[in-house]
Amino acid sequence: MRKLALSLIVAAVLVGCTEPAEPVQSVDWYKEHATERADRLARCRANPGELSETPNCINAERAESLADAGKRRGLNVQPMTGVKMGGK
């Protein structure tokens, strides 16, 4: 009985020592907060082994991709028309 009680106390202490989970921000949030997005991406890229698959890193990367896509809209790229395939 003492071993069980001691085990439960040790488990409770260890659970209390863990760091609180940071809130997960959405892609839209990262799109609106460029400074925080840049900070998050710097941390994610500095430690990709542990952080690259976390929700915040994924959302920040997606927001960065969408922000960059918005900047490319000014290129005015037109689809190719009248191109015959097959070389004949």
PDB file of N, CA and C in Angstrom:
ATOM      1  N   MET A   1       0.818  -1.186   0.000  1.00  0.00           N
ATOM      2  CA  MET A   1       0.000   0.000   0.000  1.00  0.00           C
ATOM      3  C   MET A   1       0.871   1.263   0.000  1.00  0.00           C
ATOM      4  N   ARG A   2       1.974   1.199   0.740  1.00  0.00           N
ATOM      5  CA  ARG A   2       2.863   2.360   0.794  1.00  0.00           C
ATOM      6  C   ARG A   2       3.499   2.625  -0.573  1.00  0.00           C
ATOM      7  N   LYS A   3       3.850   1.558  -1.271  1.00  0.00           N
ATOM      8  CA  LYS A   3       4.460   1.723  -2.596  1.00  0.00           C
ATOM      9  C   LYS A   3       3.483   2.388  -3.558  1.00  0.00           C
ATOM     10  N   LEU A   4       2.217   2.008  -3.480  1.00  0.00           N
ATOM     11  CA  LEU A   4       1.201   2.609  -4.337  1.00  0.00           C
ATOM     12  C   LEU A   4       1.036   4.089  -4.021  1.00  0.00           C
ATOM     13  N   ALA A   5       0.970   4.416  -2.746  1.00  0.00           N
ATOM     14  CA  ALA A   5       0.820   5.816  -2.340  1.00  0.00           C
ATOM     15  C   ALA A   5       2.031   6.628  -2.771  1.00  0.00           C
ATOM     16  N   LEU A   6       3.212   6.085  -2.573  1.00  0.00           N
ATOM     17  CA  LEU A   6       4.433   6.775  -2.975  1.00  0.00           C
ATOM     18  C   LEU A   6       4.477   6.954  -4.489  1.00  0.00           C
ATOM     19  N   SER A   7       4.078   5.942  -5.223  1.00  0.00           N
ATOM     20  CA  SER A   7       4.047   6.033  -6.687  1.00  0.00           C
ATOM     21  C   SER A   7       3.091   7.118  -7.148  1.00  0.00           C
ATOM     22  N   LEU A   8       1.939   7.212  -6.517  1.00  0.00           N
ATOM     23  CA  LEU A   8       0.966   8.240  -6.884  1.00  0.00           C
ATOM     24  C   LEU A   8       1.483   9.638  -6.570  1.00  0.00           C
ATOM     25  N   ILE A   9       2.160   9.789  -5.457  1.00  0.00           N
ATOM     26  CA  ILE A   9       2.722  11.095  -5.099  1.00  0.00           C
ATOM     27  C   ILE A   9       3.805  11.496  -6.097  1.00  0.00           C
ATOM     28  N   VAL A  10       4.680  10.573  -6.432  1.00  0.00           N
ATOM     29  CA  VAL A  10       5.742  10.859  -7.403  1.00  0.00           C
ATOM     30  C   VAL A  10       5.138  11.213  -8.756  1.00  0.00           C
ATOM     31  N   ALA A  11       4.128  10.480  -9.179  1.00  0.00           N
ATOM     32  CA  ALA A  11       3.470  10.768 -10.457  1.00  0.00           C
ATOM     33  C   ALA A  11       2.831  12.149 -10.440  1.00  0.00           C
ATOM     34  N   ALA A  12       2.194  12.518  -9.342  1.00  0.00           N
ATOM     35  CA  ALA A  12       1.553  13.831  -9.238  1.00  0.00           C
ATOM     36  C   ALA A  12       2.587  14.949  -9.300  1.00  0.00           C
ATOM     37  N   VAL A  13       3.729  14.753  -8.653  1.00  0.00           N
ATOM     38  CA  VAL A  13       4.790  15.760  -8.677  1.00  0.00           C
ATOM     39  C   VAL A  13       5.345  15.905 -10.089  1.00  0.00           C
ATOM     40  N   LEU A  14       5.567  14.799 -10.765  1.00  0.00           N
ATOM     41  CA  LEU A  14       6.109  14.856 -12.123  1.00  0.00           C
ATOM     42  C   LEU A  14       5.140  15.518 -13.091  1.00  0.00           C
ATOM     43  N   VAL A  15       3.864  15.263 -12.942  1.00  0.00           N
ATOM     44  CA  VAL A  15       2.866  15.896 -13.808  1.00  0.00           C
ATOM     45  C   VAL A  15       2.862  17.399 -13.576  1.00  0.00           C
ATOM     46  N   GLY A  16       3.034  17.813 -12.355  1.00  0.00           N
ATOM     47  CA  GLY A  16       3.056  19.234 -12.026  1.00  0.00           C
ATOM     48  C   GLY A  16       4.287  19.949 -12.537  1.00  0.00           C
ATOM     49  N   CYS A  17       5.335  19.221 -12.868  1.00  0.00           N
ATOM     50  CA  CYS A  17       6.584  19.825 -13.325  1.00  0.00           C
ATOM     51  C   CYS A  17       6.611  20.095 -14.822  1.00  0.00           C
ATOM     52  N   THR A  18       5.682  19.569 -15.560  1.00  0.00           N
ATOM     53  CA  THR A  18       5.703  19.769 -17.004  1.00  0.00           C
ATOM     54  C   THR A  18       5.325  21.198 -17.345  1.00  0.00           C
ATOM     55  N   GLU A  19       5.882  21.692 -18.428  1.00  0.00           N
ATOM     56  CA  GLU A  19       5.574  23.046 -18.876  1.00  0.00           C
ATOM     57  C   GLU A  19       4.174  23.082 -19.468  1.00  0.00           C
ATOM     58  N   PRO A  20       3.459  24.173 -19.244  1.00  0.00           N
ATOM     59  CA  PRO A  20       2.123  24.262 -19.840  1.00  0.00           C
ATOM     60  C   PRO A  20       2.238  24.348 -21.361  1.00  0.00           C
ATOM     61  N   ALA A  21       1.308  23.730 -22.026  1.00  0.00           N
ATOM     62  CA  ALA A  21       1.311  23.748 -23.492  1.00  0.00           C
ATOM     63  C   ALA A  21       0.976  25.156 -23.979  1.00  0.00           C
ATOM     64  N   GLU A  22       1.719  25.604 -24.978  1.00  0.00           N
ATOM     65  CA  GLU A  22       1.423  26.925 -25.510  1.00  0.00           C
ATOM     66  C   GLU A  22       0.203  26.840 -26.419  1.00  0.00           C
ATOM     67  N   PRO A  23      -0.562  27.909 -26.505  1.00  0.00           N
ATOM     68  CA  PRO A  23      -1.778  27.860 -27.320  1.00  0.00           C
ATOM     69  C   PRO A  23      -1.441  27.706 -28.801  1.00  0.00           C
ATOM     70  N   VAL A  24      -2.283  26.990 -29.495  1.00  0.00           N
ATOM     71  CA  VAL A  24      -2.105  26.796 -30.932  1.00  0.00           C
ATOM     72  C   VAL A  24      -2.801  27.945 -31.650  1.00  0.00           C
ATOM     73  N   GLN A  25      -2.043  28.645 -32.480  1.00  0.00           N
ATOM     74  CA  GLN A  25      -2.587  29.759 -33.253  1.00  0.00           C
ATOM     75  C   GLN A  25      -2.970  29.259 -34.642  1.00  0.00           C
ATOM     76  N   SER A  26      -3.986  29.861 -35.206  1.00  0.00           N
ATOM     77  CA  SER A  26      -4.479  29.453 -36.523  1.00  0.00           C
ATOM     78  C   SER A  26      -3.631  30.063 -37.639  1.00  0.00           C
ATOM     79  N   VAL A  27      -3.828  29.562 -38.838  1.00  0.00           N
ATOM     80  CA  VAL A  27      -3.152  30.115 -40.015  1.00  0.00           C
ATOM     81  C   VAL A  27      -3.552  31.575 -40.194  1.00  0.00           C
ATOM     82  N   ASP A  28      -4.835  31.875 -40.033  1.00  0.00           N
ATOM     83  CA  ASP A  28      -5.294  33.264 -40.168  1.00  0.00           C
ATOM     84  C   ASP A  28      -4.621  34.170 -39.144  1.00  0.00           C
ATOM     85  N   TRP A  29      -4.442  33.674 -37.918  1.00  0.00           N
ATOM     86  CA  TRP A  29      -3.788  34.476 -36.884  1.00  0.00           C
ATOM     87  C   TRP A  29      -2.360  34.795 -37.306  1.00  0.00           C
ATOM     88  N   TYR A  30      -1.638  33.794 -37.803  1.00  0.00           N
ATOM     89  CA  TYR A  30      -0.261  34.024 -38.238  1.00  0.00           C
ATOM     90  C   TYR A  30      -0.211  34.935 -39.463  1.00  0.00           C
ATOM     91  N   LYS A  31      -1.208  34.883 -40.332  1.00  0.00           N
ATOM     92  CA  LYS A  31      -1.248  35.796 -41.478  1.00  0.00           C
ATOM     93  C   LYS A  31      -1.379  37.235 -41.007  1.00  0.00           C
ATOM     94  N   GLU A  32      -2.126  37.461 -39.938  1.00  0.00           N
ATOM     95  CA  GLU A  32      -2.357  38.815 -39.427  1.00  0.00           C
ATOM     96  C   GLU A  32      -1.230  39.312 -38.524  1.00  0.00           C
ATOM     97  N   HIS A  33      -0.396  38.433 -38.016  1.00  0.00           N
ATOM     98  CA  HIS A  33       0.668  38.797 -37.077  1.00  0.00           C
ATOM     99  C   HIS A  33       2.026  38.399 -37.666  1.00  0.00           C
ATOM    100  N   ALA A  34       2.534  39.237 -38.552  1.00  0.00           N
ATOM    101  CA  ALA A  34       3.769  38.921 -39.280  1.00  0.00           C
ATOM    102  C   ALA A  34       4.982  38.793 -38.361  1.00  0.00           C
ATOM    103  N   THR A  35       5.073  39.622 -37.331  1.00  0.00           N
ATOM    104  CA  THR A  35       6.218  39.557 -36.422  1.00  0.00           C
ATOM    105  C   THR A  35       6.240  38.238 -35.664  1.00  0.00           C
ATOM    106  N   GLU A  36       5.084  37.852 -35.128  1.00  0.00           N
ATOM    107  CA  GLU A  36       4.994  36.587 -34.399  1.00  0.00           C
ATOM    108  C   GLU A  36       5.240  35.404 -35.334  1.00  0.00           C
ATOM    109  N   ARG A  37       4.769  35.530 -36.589  1.00  0.00           N
ATOM    110  CA  ARG A  37       4.994  34.471 -37.574  1.00  0.00           C
ATOM    111  C   ARG A  37       6.491  34.308 -37.839  1.00  0.00           C
ATOM    112  N   ALA A  38       7.191  35.420 -38.008  1.00  0.00           N
ATOM    113  CA  ALA A  38       8.634  35.361 -38.258  1.00  0.00           C
ATOM    114  C   ALA A  38       9.374  34.763 -37.063  1.00  0.00           C
ATOM    115  N   ASP A  39       8.972  35.139 -35.848  1.00  0.00           N
ATOM    116  CA  ASP A  39       9.592  34.576 -34.644  1.00  0.00           C
ATOM    117  C   ASP A  39       9.357  33.070 -34.565  1.00  0.00           C
ATOM    118  N   ARG A  40       8.127  32.655 -34.828  1.00  0.00           N
ATOM    119  CA  ARG A  40       7.791  31.227 -34.762  1.00  0.00           C
ATOM    120  C   ARG A  40       8.586  30.453 -35.811  1.00  0.00           C
ATOM    121  N   LEU A  41       8.655  30.983 -37.028  1.00  0.00           N
ATOM    122  CA  LEU A  41       9.389  30.295 -38.091  1.00  0.00           C
ATOM    123  C   LEU A  41      10.874  30.186 -37.759  1.00  0.00           C
ATOM    124  N   ALA A  42      11.426  31.215 -37.132  1.00  0.00           N
ATOM    125  CA  ALA A  42      12.838  31.161 -36.739  1.00  0.00           C
ATOM    126  C   ALA A  42      13.066  30.050 -35.721  1.00  0.00           C
ATOM    127  N   ARG A  43      12.157  29.931 -34.738  1.00  0.00           N
ATOM    128  CA  ARG A  43      12.288  28.863 -33.739  1.00  0.00           C
ATOM    129  C   ARG A  43      12.099  27.488 -34.375  1.00  0.00           C
ATOM    130  N   CYS A  44      11.132  27.376 -35.275  1.00  0.00           N
ATOM    131  CA  CYS A  44      10.862  26.087 -35.926  1.00  0.00           C
ATOM    132  C   CYS A  44      12.040  25.648 -36.784  1.00  0.00           C
ATOM    133  N   ARG A  45      12.620  26.588 -37.491  1.00  0.00           N
ATOM    134  CA  ARG A  45      13.728  26.255 -38.387  1.00  0.00           C
ATOM    135  C   ARG A  45      15.032  26.033 -37.629  1.00  0.00           C
ATOM    136  N   ALA A  46      15.139  26.592 -36.425  1.00  0.00           N
ATOM    137  CA  ALA A  46      16.327  26.385 -35.603  1.00  0.00           C
ATOM    138  C   ALA A  46      16.338  24.991 -34.974  1.00  0.00           C
ATOM    139  N   ASN A  47      15.166  24.389 -34.805  1.00  0.00           N
ATOM    140  CA  ASN A  47      15.066  23.069 -34.184  1.00  0.00           C
ATOM    141  C   ASN A  47      14.027  22.229 -34.929  1.00  0.00           C
ATOM    142  N   PRO A  48      14.277  21.906 -36.196  1.00  0.00           N
ATOM    143  CA  PRO A  48      13.266  21.200 -36.984  1.00  0.00           C
ATOM    144  C   PRO A  48      12.993  19.781 -36.510  1.00  0.00           C
ATOM    145  N   GLY A  49      13.953  19.152 -35.877  1.00  0.00           N
ATOM    146  CA  GLY A  49      13.745  17.784 -35.413  1.00  0.00           C
ATOM    147  C   GLY A  49      12.644  17.672 -34.383  1.00  0.00           C
ATOM    148  N   GLU A  50      12.533  18.659 -33.517  1.00  0.00           N
ATOM    149  CA  GLU A  50      11.515  18.623 -32.470  1.00  0.00           C
ATOM    150  C   GLU A  50      10.280  19.440 -32.808  1.00  0.00           C
ATOM    151  N   LEU A  51      10.438  20.507 -33.578  1.00  0.00           N
ATOM    152  CA  LEU A  51       9.341  21.458 -33.724  1.00  0.00           C
ATOM    153  C   LEU A  51       8.641  21.465 -35.072  1.00  0.00           C
ATOM    154  N   SER A  52       9.247  20.931 -36.113  1.00  0.00           N
ATOM    155  CA  SER A  52       8.681  21.104 -37.457  1.00  0.00           C
ATOM    156  C   SER A  52       7.284  20.522 -37.622  1.00  0.00           C
ATOM    157  N   GLU A  53       6.947  19.508 -36.855  1.00  0.00           N
ATOM    158  CA  GLU A  53       5.631  18.877 -36.989  1.00  0.00           C
ATOM    159  C   GLU A  53       4.620  19.373 -35.956  1.00  0.00           C
ATOM    160  N   THR A  54       4.962  20.417 -35.209  1.00  0.00           N
ATOM    161  CA  THR A  54       4.017  20.948 -34.229  1.00  0.00           C
ATOM    162  C   THR A  54       2.976  21.801 -34.949  1.00  0.00           C
ATOM    163  N   PRO A  55       1.774  21.899 -34.400  1.00  0.00           N
ATOM    164  CA  PRO A  55       0.713  22.668 -35.063  1.00  0.00           C
ATOM    165  C   PRO A  55       1.093  24.123 -35.323  1.00  0.00           C
ATOM    166  N   ASN A  56       1.777  24.774 -34.383  1.00  0.00           N
ATOM    167  CA  ASN A  56       2.139  26.171 -34.588  1.00  0.00           C
ATOM    168  C   ASN A  56       3.142  26.337 -35.721  1.00  0.00           C
ATOM    169  N   CYS A  57       4.090  25.427 -35.836  1.00  0.00           N
ATOM    170  CA  CYS A  57       5.054  25.516 -36.935  1.00  0.00           C
ATOM    171  C   CYS A  57       4.375  25.277 -38.280  1.00  0.00           C
ATOM    172  N   ILE A  58       3.503  24.306 -38.324  1.00  0.00           N
ATOM    173  CA  ILE A  58       2.779  24.016 -39.562  1.00  0.00           C
ATOM    174  C   ILE A  58       1.910  25.207 -39.954  1.00  0.00           C
ATOM    175  N   ASN A  59       1.195  25.784 -38.998  1.00  0.00           N
ATOM    176  CA  ASN A  59       0.321  26.921 -39.295  1.00  0.00           C
ATOM    177  C   ASN A  59       1.123  28.151 -39.701  1.00  0.00           C
ATOM    178  N   ALA A  60       2.261  28.383 -39.061  1.00  0.00           N
ATOM    179  CA  ALA A  60       3.100  29.523 -39.432  1.00  0.00           C
ATOM    180  C   ALA A  60       3.674  29.341 -40.833  1.00  0.00           C
ATOM    181  N   GLU A  61       4.102  28.129 -41.164  1.00  0.00           N
ATOM    182  CA  GLU A  61       4.617  27.857 -42.516  1.00  0.00           C
ATOM    183  C   GLU A  61       3.533  28.077 -43.566  1.00  0.00           C
ATOM    184  N   ARG A  62       2.335  27.607 -43.282  1.00  0.00           N
ATOM    185  CA  ARG A  62       1.214  27.774 -44.216  1.00  0.00           C
ATOM    186  C   ARG A  62       0.886  29.257 -44.392  1.00  0.00           C
ATOM    187  N   ALA A  63       0.870  29.999 -43.304  1.00  0.00           N
ATOM    188  CA  ALA A  63       0.594  31.437 -43.380  1.00  0.00           C
ATOM    189  C   ALA A  63       1.672  32.155 -44.182  1.00  0.00           C
ATOM    190  N   GLU A  64       2.914  31.748 -44.000  1.00  0.00           N
ATOM    191  CA  GLU A  64       4.019  32.338 -44.764  1.00  0.00           C
ATOM    192  C   GLU A  64       3.851  32.048 -46.251  1.00  0.00           C
ATOM    193  N   SER A  65       3.479  30.828 -46.567  1.00  0.00           N
ATOM    194  CA  SER A  65       3.258  30.441 -47.956  1.00  0.00           C
ATOM    195  C   SER A  65       2.132  31.261 -48.578  1.00  0.00           C
ATOM    196  N   LEU A  66       1.049  31.430 -47.843  1.00  0.00           N
ATOM    197  CA  LEU A  66      -0.076  32.216 -48.355  1.00  0.00           C
ATOM    198  C   LEU A  66       0.284  33.688 -48.491  1.00  0.00           C
ATOM    199  N   ALA A  67       1.069  34.210 -47.564  1.00  0.00           N
ATOM    200  CA  ALA A  67       1.490  35.611 -47.644  1.00  0.00           C
ATOM    201  C   ALA A  67       2.388  35.824 -48.858  1.00  0.00           C
ATOM    202  N   ASP A  68       3.288  34.866 -49.117  1.00  0.00           N
ATOM    203  CA  ASP A  68       4.158  34.967 -50.291  1.00  0.00           C
ATOM    204  C   ASP A  68       3.356  34.854 -51.581  1.00  0.00           C
ATOM    205  N   ALA A  69       2.347  34.006 -51.592  1.00  0.00           N
ATOM    206  CA  ALA A  69       1.510  33.854 -52.785  1.00  0.00           C
ATOM    207  C   ALA A  69       0.788  35.154 -53.087  1.00  0.00           C
ATOM    208  N   GLY A  70       0.377  35.862 -52.059  1.00  0.00           N
ATOM    209  CA  GLY A  70      -0.285  37.147 -52.254  1.00  0.00           C
ATOM    210  C   GLY A  70       0.641  38.171 -52.879  1.00  0.00           C
ATOM    211  N   LYS A  71       1.920  38.097 -52.570  1.00  0.00           N
ATOM    212  CA  LYS A  71       2.893  39.023 -53.145  1.00  0.00           C
ATOM    213  C   LYS A  71       3.138  38.719 -54.617  1.00  0.00           C
ATOM    214  N   ARG A  72       2.960  37.465 -55.018  1.00  0.00           N
ATOM    215  CA  ARG A  72       3.223  37.073 -56.405  1.00  0.00           C
ATOM    216  C   ARG A  72       2.063  37.376 -57.333  1.00  0.00           C
ATOM    217  N   ARG A  73       0.963  37.818 -56.797  1.00  0.00           N
ATOM    218  CA  ARG A  73      -0.198  38.081 -57.649  1.00  0.00           C
ATOM    219  C   ARG A  73       0.066  39.188 -58.660  1.00  0.00           C
ATOM    220  N   GLY A  74       0.996  40.047 -58.386  1.00  0.00           N
ATOM    221  CA  GLY A  74       1.299  41.140 -59.290  1.00  0.00           C
ATOM    222  C   GLY A  74       2.084  40.720 -60.520  1.00  0.00           C
ATOM    223  N   LEU A  75       2.450  39.474 -60.645  1.00  0.00           N
ATOM    224  CA  LEU A  75       3.234  39.016 -61.788  1.00  0.00           C
ATOM    225  C   LEU A  75       2.419  38.945 -63.068  1.00  0.00           C
ATOM    226  N   ASN A  76       1.117  38.784 -62.954  1.00  0.00           N
ATOM    227  CA  ASN A  76       0.221  38.716 -64.101  1.00  0.00           C
ATOM    228  C   ASN A  76       0.630  37.606 -65.067  1.00  0.00           C
ATOM    229  N   VAL A  77       0.800  36.423 -64.570  1.00  0.00           N
ATOM    230  CA  VAL A  77       1.152  35.261 -65.387  1.00  0.00           C
ATOM    231  C   VAL A  77      -0.100  34.774 -66.093  1.00  0.00           C
ATOM    232  N   GLN A  78      -0.009  34.633 -67.413  1.00  0.00           N
ATOM    233  CA  GLN A  78      -1.143  34.199 -68.217  1.00  0.00           C
ATOM    234  C   GLN A  78      -0.960  32.741 -68.626  1.00  0.00           C
ATOM    235  N   PRO A  79      -2.044  31.992 -68.694  1.00  0.00           N
ATOM    236  CA  PRO A  79      -1.921  30.602 -69.141  1.00  0.00           C
ATOM    237  C   PRO A  79      -1.520  30.556 -70.610  1.00  0.00           C
ATOM    238  N   MET A  80      -0.796  29.520 -70.966  1.00  0.00           N
ATOM    239  CA  MET A  80      -0.381  29.347 -72.355  1.00  0.00           C
ATOM    240  C   MET A  80      -1.576  28.867 -73.169  1.00  0.00           C
ATOM    241  N   THR A  81      -1.856  29.542 -74.262  1.00  0.00           N
ATOM    242  CA  THR A  81      -2.946  29.138 -75.146  1.00  0.00           C
ATOM    243  C   THR A  81      -2.394  28.984 -76.558  1.00  0.00           C
ATOM    244  N   GLY A  82      -3.036  28.161 -77.320  1.00  0.00           N
ATOM    245  CA  GLY A  82      -2.620  27.966 -78.700  1.00  0.00           C
ATOM    246  C   GLY A  82      -1.372  27.116 -78.844  1.00  0.00           C
ATOM    247  N   VAL A  83      -0.951  26.445 -77.810  1.00  0.00           N
ATOM    248  CA  VAL A  83       0.231  25.595 -77.870  1.00  0.00           C
ATOM    249  C   VAL A  83      -0.214  24.193 -78.247  1.00  0.00           C
ATOM    250  N   LYS A  84       0.411  23.655 -79.278  1.00  0.00           N
ATOM    251  CA  LYS A  84       0.067  22.306 -79.718  1.00  0.00           C
ATOM    252  C   LYS A  84       1.049  21.326 -79.112  1.00  0.00           C
ATOM    253  N   MET A  85       0.513  20.319 -78.495  1.00  0.00           N
ATOM    254  CA  MET A  85       1.346  19.313 -77.850  1.00  0.00           C
ATOM    255  C   MET A  85       1.665  18.196 -78.845  1.00  0.00           C
ATOM    256  N   GLY A  86       2.784  17.563 -78.683  1.00  0.00           N
ATOM    257  CA  GLY A  86       3.147  16.420 -79.503  1.00  0.00           C
ATOM    258  C   GLY A  86       4.121  16.761 -80.617  1.00  0.00           C
ATOM    259  N   GLY A  87       4.440  18.005 -80.822  1.00  0.00           N
ATOM    260  CA  GLY A  87       5.451  18.396 -81.791  1.00  0.00           C
ATOM    261  C   GLY A  87       5.023  18.332 -83.239  1.00  0.00           C
ATOM    262  N   LYS A  88       3.760  18.127 -83.559  1.00  0.00           N
ATOM    263  CA  LYS A  88       3.340  18.060 -84.963  1.00  0.00           C
ATOM    264  C   LYS A  88       2.601  19.296 -85.365  1.00  0.00           C
TER     265      LYS A  88
END
